[in-house]
């Protein structure tokens, strides 16, 4: 079994999902669900309850090949995301939670 790296996604949608105990990670395209679960449990020391994965196709983009040439076309790289649901009571501190300010600190 090879070690894979899972990287948390820092987006607004991922932040909203984390409020429901679902965390979103960028994972390698070659990783399967069992490898992702093992990597998350080892890296963050939590218990994974459920996992969903998806491969996001790279967008088609155009690029310039000079003033008189026709534009070229290519695609961006594909990426894979994993939506990991943790067991009740477990959490990962991906986003820095702002501390609640008291009225004394505001003065």
N, C-alpha and C. Protein backbone atom coordinates (compact mmCIF):
# COMPACT_ATOMS: atom_id res chain seq x y z
N UNK A 1 0.84 -1.18 0.00
CA UNK A 1 0.00 0.00 0.00
C UNK A 1 0.89 1.24 0.00
N UNK A 2 0.61 2.14 -0.92
CA UNK A 2 1.42 3.34 -1.03
C UNK A 2 0.78 4.47 -0.22
N UNK A 3 1.62 5.37 0.24
CA UNK A 3 1.12 6.53 0.98
C UNK A 3 0.65 7.58 -0.02
N UNK A 4 -0.53 8.10 0.19
CA UNK A 4 -1.04 9.17 -0.65
C UNK A 4 -1.24 10.40 0.22
N UNK A 5 -1.23 11.56 -0.42
CA UNK A 5 -1.45 12.79 0.33
C UNK A 5 -2.85 13.31 0.02
N UNK A 6 -3.58 13.63 1.05
CA UNK A 6 -4.91 14.23 0.90
C UNK A 6 -4.79 15.67 1.37
N UNK A 7 -5.30 16.59 0.55
CA UNK A 7 -5.18 18.01 0.83
C UNK A 7 -6.57 18.60 0.97
N UNK A 8 -6.90 19.20 2.11
CA UNK A 8 -8.23 19.80 2.27
C UNK A 8 -8.45 20.95 1.29
N UNK A 9 -9.66 21.05 0.76
CA UNK A 9 -10.03 22.15 -0.13
C UNK A 9 -10.49 23.33 0.71
N UNK A 10 -9.95 24.50 0.42
CA UNK A 10 -10.31 25.72 1.15
C UNK A 10 -11.22 26.58 0.27
N UNK A 11 -12.48 26.18 0.18
CA UNK A 11 -13.45 26.94 -0.60
C UNK A 11 -14.67 27.21 0.29
N UNK A 12 -15.53 28.11 -0.18
CA UNK A 12 -16.73 28.42 0.60
C UNK A 12 -17.65 27.22 0.69
N UNK A 13 -17.77 26.46 -0.41
CA UNK A 13 -18.64 25.29 -0.40
C UNK A 13 -18.09 24.23 0.56
N UNK A 14 -16.78 24.04 0.57
CA UNK A 14 -16.18 23.08 1.48
C UNK A 14 -16.37 23.50 2.93
N UNK A 15 -16.29 24.81 3.19
CA UNK A 15 -16.52 25.32 4.55
C UNK A 15 -17.95 25.04 4.99
N UNK A 16 -18.92 25.25 4.08
CA UNK A 16 -20.32 25.00 4.42
C UNK A 16 -20.54 23.51 4.68
N UNK A 17 -19.89 22.64 3.91
CA UNK A 17 -20.02 21.19 4.12
C UNK A 17 -19.41 20.78 5.46
N UNK A 18 -18.33 21.46 5.88
CA UNK A 18 -17.68 21.07 7.13
C UNK A 18 -18.57 21.34 8.34
N UNK A 19 -19.54 22.23 8.20
CA UNK A 19 -20.48 22.46 9.29
C UNK A 19 -21.37 21.23 9.51
N UNK A 20 -21.52 20.39 8.47
CA UNK A 20 -22.33 19.16 8.56
C UNK A 20 -21.46 17.92 8.75
N UNK A 21 -20.20 18.12 9.18
CA UNK A 21 -19.27 17.02 9.44
C UNK A 21 -18.86 16.29 8.16
N UNK A 22 -18.90 16.99 7.02
CA UNK A 22 -18.43 16.45 5.74
C UNK A 22 -17.26 17.31 5.29
N UNK A 23 -16.12 16.70 5.02
CA UNK A 23 -14.92 17.42 4.65
C UNK A 23 -14.52 17.04 3.23
N UNK A 24 -14.03 18.03 2.47
CA UNK A 24 -13.69 17.84 1.07
C UNK A 24 -12.18 17.88 0.92
N UNK A 25 -11.63 16.89 0.20
CA UNK A 25 -10.19 16.79 0.00
C UNK A 25 -9.87 16.66 -1.48
N UNK A 26 -8.73 17.22 -1.90
CA UNK A 26 -8.16 16.94 -3.20
C UNK A 26 -7.32 15.69 -3.05
N UNK A 27 -7.51 14.73 -3.93
CA UNK A 27 -6.78 13.46 -3.86
C UNK A 27 -6.21 13.14 -5.23
N UNK A 28 -5.20 12.26 -5.31
CA UNK A 28 -4.66 11.86 -6.61
C UNK A 28 -5.70 11.09 -7.43
N UNK A 29 -5.59 11.20 -8.75
CA UNK A 29 -6.53 10.52 -9.64
C UNK A 29 -6.46 8.99 -9.51
N UNK A 30 -5.29 8.48 -9.13
CA UNK A 30 -5.11 7.03 -9.06
C UNK A 30 -5.55 6.42 -7.74
N UNK A 31 -5.91 7.24 -6.76
CA UNK A 31 -6.27 6.72 -5.43
C UNK A 31 -7.69 6.17 -5.44
N UNK A 32 -7.87 5.02 -4.76
CA UNK A 32 -9.21 4.47 -4.62
C UNK A 32 -9.76 4.83 -3.23
N UNK A 33 -11.01 4.44 -2.98
CA UNK A 33 -11.68 4.86 -1.75
C UNK A 33 -11.00 4.29 -0.50
N UNK A 34 -10.55 3.05 -0.58
CA UNK A 34 -9.90 2.44 0.59
C UNK A 34 -8.60 3.17 0.93
N UNK A 35 -7.83 3.56 -0.08
CA UNK A 35 -6.59 4.28 0.17
C UNK A 35 -6.87 5.67 0.75
N UNK A 36 -7.93 6.32 0.26
CA UNK A 36 -8.27 7.65 0.76
C UNK A 36 -8.70 7.58 2.22
N UNK A 37 -9.54 6.59 2.56
CA UNK A 37 -9.99 6.42 3.94
C UNK A 37 -8.80 6.17 4.85
N UNK A 38 -7.88 5.31 4.44
CA UNK A 38 -6.71 5.01 5.25
C UNK A 38 -5.84 6.25 5.44
N UNK A 39 -5.69 7.05 4.40
CA UNK A 39 -4.86 8.25 4.48
C UNK A 39 -5.48 9.30 5.40
N UNK A 40 -6.81 9.50 5.31
CA UNK A 40 -7.47 10.49 6.16
C UNK A 40 -7.42 10.06 7.62
N UNK A 41 -7.67 8.78 7.88
CA UNK A 41 -7.63 8.29 9.26
C UNK A 41 -6.23 8.38 9.85
N UNK A 42 -5.20 8.12 9.03
CA UNK A 42 -3.83 8.18 9.54
C UNK A 42 -3.36 9.62 9.71
N UNK A 43 -3.71 10.49 8.77
CA UNK A 43 -3.20 11.86 8.79
C UNK A 43 -3.90 12.72 9.84
N UNK A 44 -5.20 12.54 10.02
CA UNK A 44 -5.96 13.41 10.92
C UNK A 44 -6.44 12.71 12.19
N UNK A 45 -6.19 11.41 12.32
CA UNK A 45 -6.55 10.62 13.50
C UNK A 45 -8.04 10.73 13.83
N UNK A 46 -8.88 10.44 12.84
CA UNK A 46 -10.33 10.45 12.98
C UNK A 46 -10.88 9.15 12.41
N UNK A 47 -12.16 8.90 12.64
CA UNK A 47 -12.84 7.71 12.12
C UNK A 47 -13.74 8.14 10.97
N UNK A 48 -13.55 7.55 9.78
CA UNK A 48 -14.34 7.88 8.60
C UNK A 48 -15.57 6.99 8.57
N UNK A 49 -16.73 7.62 8.39
CA UNK A 49 -17.99 6.88 8.35
C UNK A 49 -18.40 6.57 6.92
N UNK A 50 -18.23 7.55 6.01
CA UNK A 50 -18.67 7.39 4.63
C UNK A 50 -17.79 8.23 3.72
N UNK A 51 -17.68 7.83 2.46
CA UNK A 51 -16.86 8.57 1.50
C UNK A 51 -17.52 8.55 0.13
N UNK A 52 -17.47 9.68 -0.55
CA UNK A 52 -17.91 9.79 -1.94
C UNK A 52 -16.78 10.44 -2.72
N UNK A 53 -16.52 9.94 -3.92
CA UNK A 53 -15.47 10.52 -4.75
C UNK A 53 -16.05 10.93 -6.09
N UNK A 54 -15.38 11.89 -6.71
CA UNK A 54 -15.75 12.29 -8.06
C UNK A 54 -14.52 12.79 -8.79
N UNK A 55 -14.52 12.58 -10.11
CA UNK A 55 -13.45 13.09 -10.96
C UNK A 55 -14.02 14.26 -11.74
N UNK A 56 -13.39 15.41 -11.56
CA UNK A 56 -13.82 16.62 -12.25
C UNK A 56 -12.99 16.77 -13.51
N UNK A 57 -13.65 16.76 -14.67
CA UNK A 57 -12.95 16.89 -15.95
C UNK A 57 -12.35 18.28 -16.08
N UNK A 58 -11.17 18.35 -16.70
CA UNK A 58 -10.52 19.63 -16.92
C UNK A 58 -11.26 20.43 -17.98
N UNK A 59 -11.35 21.74 -17.77
CA UNK A 59 -12.05 22.61 -18.71
C UNK A 59 -11.26 22.74 -20.02
N UNK A 60 -11.99 22.89 -21.12
CA UNK A 60 -11.35 23.19 -22.40
C UNK A 60 -11.02 24.68 -22.43
N UNK A 61 -9.79 25.01 -22.80
CA UNK A 61 -9.38 26.40 -22.85
C UNK A 61 -8.74 26.69 -24.19
N UNK A 62 -8.78 27.96 -24.59
CA UNK A 62 -8.14 28.40 -25.83
C UNK A 62 -6.91 29.20 -25.47
N UNK A 63 -5.90 29.14 -26.33
CA UNK A 63 -4.70 29.93 -26.10
C UNK A 63 -4.23 30.51 -27.42
N UNK A 64 -3.51 31.60 -27.34
CA UNK A 64 -3.05 32.31 -28.52
C UNK A 64 -1.74 31.70 -29.02
N UNK A 65 -1.65 31.56 -30.36
CA UNK A 65 -0.41 31.08 -30.97
C UNK A 65 0.21 32.18 -31.82
N UNK A 66 -0.06 33.43 -31.48
CA UNK A 66 0.51 34.54 -32.23
C UNK A 66 -0.57 35.37 -32.89
N UNK A 67 -0.15 36.44 -33.54
CA UNK A 67 -1.08 37.41 -34.10
C UNK A 67 -1.85 36.87 -35.30
N UNK A 68 -1.19 36.11 -36.18
CA UNK A 68 -1.82 35.68 -37.42
C UNK A 68 -2.27 34.22 -37.42
N UNK A 69 -2.01 33.50 -36.38
CA UNK A 69 -2.35 32.07 -36.32
C UNK A 69 -3.71 31.88 -35.66
N UNK A 70 -4.34 30.79 -35.97
CA UNK A 70 -5.60 30.44 -35.32
C UNK A 70 -5.32 30.08 -33.86
N UNK A 71 -6.26 30.37 -32.97
CA UNK A 71 -6.02 30.01 -31.57
C UNK A 71 -5.99 28.49 -31.38
N UNK A 72 -5.18 28.03 -30.46
CA UNK A 72 -5.09 26.62 -30.15
C UNK A 72 -6.06 26.25 -29.05
N UNK A 73 -6.33 24.96 -28.94
CA UNK A 73 -7.22 24.47 -27.89
C UNK A 73 -6.51 23.39 -27.10
N UNK A 74 -6.75 23.38 -25.81
CA UNK A 74 -6.22 22.34 -24.94
C UNK A 74 -7.17 22.20 -23.76
N UNK A 75 -6.89 21.29 -22.88
CA UNK A 75 -7.72 21.12 -21.68
C UNK A 75 -6.84 21.19 -20.44
N UNK A 76 -7.44 21.64 -19.36
CA UNK A 76 -6.74 21.64 -18.08
C UNK A 76 -6.72 20.22 -17.53
N UNK A 77 -5.94 20.02 -16.50
CA UNK A 77 -5.82 18.69 -15.91
C UNK A 77 -7.12 18.28 -15.21
N UNK A 78 -7.42 16.98 -15.24
CA UNK A 78 -8.53 16.46 -14.46
C UNK A 78 -8.13 16.48 -12.98
N UNK A 79 -9.11 16.56 -12.10
CA UNK A 79 -8.84 16.51 -10.67
C UNK A 79 -9.86 15.59 -10.00
N UNK A 80 -9.48 15.07 -8.86
CA UNK A 80 -10.34 14.16 -8.12
C UNK A 80 -10.60 14.74 -6.74
N UNK A 81 -11.87 14.69 -6.31
CA UNK A 81 -12.26 15.19 -5.00
C UNK A 81 -12.88 14.05 -4.20
N UNK A 82 -12.71 14.11 -2.90
CA UNK A 82 -13.31 13.13 -2.01
C UNK A 82 -14.12 13.87 -0.95
N UNK A 83 -15.39 13.49 -0.82
CA UNK A 83 -16.26 14.02 0.23
C UNK A 83 -16.27 12.98 1.35
N UNK A 84 -15.67 13.32 2.48
CA UNK A 84 -15.50 12.38 3.58
C UNK A 84 -16.41 12.77 4.74
N UNK A 85 -17.30 11.85 5.15
CA UNK A 85 -18.16 12.07 6.32
C UNK A 85 -17.50 11.38 7.51
N UNK A 86 -17.32 12.13 8.57
CA UNK A 86 -16.68 11.58 9.77
C UNK A 86 -17.71 11.05 10.74
N UNK A 87 -17.27 10.18 11.63
CA UNK A 87 -18.14 9.63 12.67
C UNK A 87 -18.53 10.76 13.62
N UNK A 88 -19.65 10.56 14.31
CA UNK A 88 -20.15 11.57 15.24
C UNK A 88 -19.10 11.83 16.33
N UNK A 89 -18.86 13.09 16.60
CA UNK A 89 -17.90 13.46 17.64
C UNK A 89 -16.52 13.78 17.10
N UNK A 90 -16.20 13.35 15.88
CA UNK A 90 -14.90 13.64 15.28
C UNK A 90 -14.99 14.91 14.45
N UNK A 91 -13.88 15.64 14.37
CA UNK A 91 -13.83 16.83 13.53
C UNK A 91 -12.39 17.09 13.14
N UNK A 92 -12.22 17.88 12.09
CA UNK A 92 -10.90 18.27 11.61
C UNK A 92 -10.87 19.79 11.57
N UNK A 93 -9.83 20.39 12.13
CA UNK A 93 -9.72 21.85 12.14
C UNK A 93 -9.05 22.30 10.84
N UNK A 94 -9.82 22.32 9.74
CA UNK A 94 -9.32 22.75 8.45
C UNK A 94 -9.35 24.27 8.37
N UNK A 95 -10.45 24.85 8.78
CA UNK A 95 -10.63 26.29 8.73
C UNK A 95 -10.43 26.86 10.13
N UNK A 96 -9.73 27.98 10.22
CA UNK A 96 -9.53 28.62 11.51
C UNK A 96 -10.85 29.23 11.96
N UNK A 97 -11.37 28.73 13.06
CA UNK A 97 -12.63 29.23 13.59
C UNK A 97 -12.37 30.55 14.30
N UNK A 98 -13.05 31.63 13.92
CA UNK A 98 -12.83 32.90 14.61
C UNK A 98 -13.35 32.83 16.04
N UNK A 99 -12.56 33.35 16.95
CA UNK A 99 -12.95 33.36 18.36
C UNK A 99 -14.03 34.42 18.56
N UNK A 100 -14.99 34.11 19.39
CA UNK A 100 -16.06 35.07 19.65
C UNK A 100 -15.51 36.16 20.55
N UNK A 101 -15.74 37.40 20.15
CA UNK A 101 -15.23 38.54 20.91
C UNK A 101 -16.22 38.93 22.00
N UNK A 102 -15.70 39.27 23.14
CA UNK A 102 -16.56 39.76 24.21
C UNK A 102 -16.66 41.27 24.09
N UNK A 103 -17.56 41.85 24.81
CA UNK A 103 -17.75 43.31 24.74
C UNK A 103 -16.54 44.04 25.33
N UNK A 104 -15.81 43.40 26.25
CA UNK A 104 -14.64 44.03 26.83
C UNK A 104 -13.51 44.16 25.81
N UNK A 105 -13.37 43.16 24.92
CA UNK A 105 -12.31 43.21 23.91
C UNK A 105 -12.59 44.27 22.86
N UNK A 106 -13.85 44.56 22.60
CA UNK A 106 -14.20 45.55 21.58
C UNK A 106 -13.86 46.96 22.01
N UNK A 107 -13.83 47.22 23.30
CA UNK A 107 -13.57 48.57 23.81
C UNK A 107 -12.16 48.92 23.70
